[in-house]
Protein backbone atom coordinates (compact mmCIF):
# COMPACT_ATOMS: atom_id res chain seq x y z
CA UNK A 1 0.00 0.00 0.00
CA UNK A 2 1.35 3.43 -0.83
CA UNK A 3 2.33 5.81 1.94
CA UNK A 4 1.65 9.53 1.84
CA UNK A 5 4.14 11.53 3.88
CA UNK A 6 5.76 14.95 4.14
CA UNK A 7 9.25 15.10 2.61
CA UNK A 8 11.76 17.70 1.51
CA UNK A 9 12.70 17.39 -2.15
CA UNK A 10 16.52 17.33 -2.10
CA UNK A 11 16.70 18.57 -5.71
CA UNK A 12 14.59 21.71 -5.27
CA UNK A 13 14.50 21.92 -1.43
CA UNK A 14 10.73 22.35 -1.74
CA UNK A 15 8.48 20.84 0.91
CA UNK A 16 6.38 18.00 -0.45
CA UNK A 17 3.46 17.58 1.98
CA UNK A 18 2.02 14.63 0.00
CA UNK A 19 5.09 12.73 -1.15
CA UNK A 20 4.21 9.23 -2.30
CA UNK A 21 6.12 6.05 -1.45
CA UNK A 22 5.58 2.34 -1.80
CA UNK A 23 7.56 -0.78 -1.01
CA UNK A 24 8.99 -1.40 -4.46
CA UNK A 25 11.59 -3.98 -3.49
CA UNK A 26 11.13 -6.26 -0.51
CA UNK A 27 14.56 -7.89 -0.46
CA UNK A 28 13.97 -11.17 1.35
CA UNK A 29 16.61 -13.80 1.91
CA UNK A 30 14.54 -16.88 2.74
CA UNK A 31 17.43 -19.08 3.88
CA UNK A 32 18.90 -16.66 6.42
CA UNK A 33 15.48 -15.17 7.20
CA UNK A 34 16.69 -11.60 6.73
CA UNK A 35 15.37 -8.81 4.62
CA UNK A 36 15.26 -5.16 3.69
CA UNK A 37 12.26 -3.10 2.62
CA UNK A 38 13.09 -0.55 -0.07
CA UNK A 39 10.78 2.43 -0.53
CA UNK A 40 11.35 4.88 -3.38
CA UNK A 41 9.78 8.21 -2.38
CA UNK A 42 8.31 10.33 -5.16
CA UNK A 43 7.37 14.01 -5.03
CA UNK A 44 3.78 12.97 -5.76
CA UNK A 45 1.65 10.05 -6.90
CA UNK A 46 1.62 11.55 -10.39
CA UNK A 47 5.43 11.66 -10.46
CA UNK A 48 5.54 7.96 -9.58
CA UNK A 49 3.09 6.97 -12.32
CA UNK A 50 4.57 9.16 -15.05
CA UNK A 51 8.10 7.80 -14.72
CA UNK A 52 9.57 10.54 -12.56
CA UNK A 53 12.62 9.66 -10.55
CA UNK A 54 12.31 9.27 -6.79
CA UNK A 55 13.37 12.19 -4.61
CA UNK A 56 14.92 9.67 -2.22
CA UNK A 57 15.05 5.96 -1.49
CA UNK A 58 14.50 4.67 2.04
CA UNK A 59 15.89 1.26 2.99
CA UNK A 60 14.54 -0.36 6.15
CA UNK A 61 16.50 -3.41 7.28
CA UNK A 62 14.44 -6.00 9.12
CA UNK A 63 15.68 -6.92 12.58
CA UNK A 64 17.33 -3.57 13.30
CA UNK A 65 17.76 -2.59 16.95
CA UNK A 66 16.17 0.62 18.19
CA UNK A 67 18.36 3.74 18.26
CA UNK A 68 18.22 5.92 21.35
CA UNK A 69 19.36 9.47 21.97
CA UNK A 70 21.14 10.68 25.08
CA UNK A 71 19.01 10.55 28.21
CA UNK A 72 18.02 13.95 29.60
CA UNK A 73 19.69 15.06 32.81
CA UNK A 74 17.07 15.51 35.54
CA UNK A 75 19.33 16.44 38.43
CA UNK A 76 23.04 17.13 38.41
CA UNK A 77 25.77 15.56 40.49
CA UNK A 78 26.21 17.19 43.90
CA UNK A 79 29.52 16.46 45.64
CA UNK A 80 29.59 15.47 49.31
CA UNK A 81 29.87 18.29 51.84
CA UNK A 82 32.35 17.97 54.66
CA UNK A 83 32.69 20.05 57.78
CA UNK A 84 33.94 19.83 61.36
CA UNK A 85 31.91 18.64 64.33
CA UNK A 86 33.33 21.31 66.55
CA UNK A 87 36.34 23.54 66.55
CA UNK A 88 38.32 21.26 68.92
CA UNK A 89 38.98 18.44 66.46
CA UNK A 90 40.69 18.22 63.11
CA UNK A 91 38.56 15.26 61.98
CA UNK A 92 36.20 16.12 59.13
CA UNK A 93 32.58 15.04 59.38
CA UNK A 94 30.32 14.25 56.45
CA UNK A 95 27.55 16.81 56.51
CA UNK A 96 25.76 15.84 53.29
CA UNK A 97 26.14 12.70 51.17
CA UNK A 98 27.01 13.04 47.51
CA UNK A 99 24.06 12.98 45.14
CA UNK A 100 24.62 11.12 41.91
CA UNK A 101 23.18 12.56 38.71
CA UNK A 102 19.71 11.36 37.75
CA UNK A 103 18.82 10.79 34.12
CA UNK A 104 15.43 10.36 32.53
CA UNK A 105 14.58 7.72 29.95
CA UNK A 106 16.52 7.91 26.69
CA UNK A 107 14.36 9.14 23.81
CA UNK A 108 13.81 6.76 20.92
CA UNK A 109 15.24 8.21 17.71
CA UNK A 110 14.43 5.22 15.51
CA UNK A 111 12.09 2.39 16.44
CA UNK A 112 13.35 -1.18 16.22
CA UNK A 113 12.09 -3.20 13.27
CA UNK A 114 10.92 -6.78 13.65
CA UNK A 115 13.11 -9.44 12.12
CA UNK A 116 11.88 -11.45 9.18
CA UNK A 117 11.60 -14.42 11.56
CA UNK A 118 9.35 -12.32 13.86
CA UNK A 119 7.13 -11.47 10.89
CA UNK A 120 6.99 -15.11 9.78
CA UNK A 121 6.12 -16.24 13.31
CA UNK A 122 3.35 -13.63 13.54
CA UNK A 123 1.94 -14.42 10.06
CA UNK A 124 2.87 -17.99 9.03
CA UNK A 125 0.00 -18.19 6.53
CA UNK A 126 1.30 -15.13 4.67
CA UNK A 127 4.81 -16.59 4.50
CA UNK A 128 3.45 -19.92 3.26
CA UNK A 129 1.43 -18.15 0.56
CA UNK A 130 4.43 -16.05 -0.47
CA UNK A 131 6.71 -19.05 -0.77
CA UNK A 132 4.05 -20.89 -2.80
CA UNK A 133 3.78 -17.92 -5.18
CA UNK A 134 7.56 -17.64 -5.51
CA UNK A 135 7.87 -21.36 -6.16
CA UNK A 136 5.10 -21.27 -8.80
CA UNK A 137 6.94 -18.49 -10.62
CA UNK A 138 10.16 -20.53 -10.52
CA UNK A 139 8.33 -23.61 -11.84
CA UNK A 140 7.08 -21.61 -14.82
CA UNK A 141 10.67 -21.05 -15.98
CA UNK A 142 12.63 -23.44 -18.25
CA UNK A 143 15.30 -23.98 -15.58
CA UNK A 144 12.68 -25.81 -13.48
CA UNK A 145 10.61 -27.36 -16.30
CA UNK A 146 8.95 -30.59 -15.17
CA UNK A 147 9.70 -29.83 -11.53
CA UNK A 148 7.24 -29.80 -8.68
CA UNK A 149 7.03 -28.43 -5.16
CA UNK A 150 8.08 -30.98 -2.56
CA UNK A 151 5.37 -30.86 0.09
């Protein structure tokens, strides 16, 4: 399904509030259960259908870990405070403990993507249908003439 999204056209630097993208190339490696989703992004739907070139191409690897930014500092480090109990002794006394810095949760810059195995596990019927379609295409080619799918 196509995606409408706001993009900046890198060729003209114009804002494209309704840029149009679709998953043109789902690169799937069945054996290693890895993949990449490739989305060409066009300035508009019309540009995509009239042979215009994409303004950018987005590649989304499956199984990528989330990316986090630095956590915000909530309270700074406070060193310990020392003093003297009374004026008759040279032994310092801890008046206030040190306070370690406190950080908030790190913001997510890029969400993690599920692995191909996660997608297969969540939708086994889709994977089975896809492999059947791929195999039927292969069987239609001369390299596999007379072959059949081994159930």
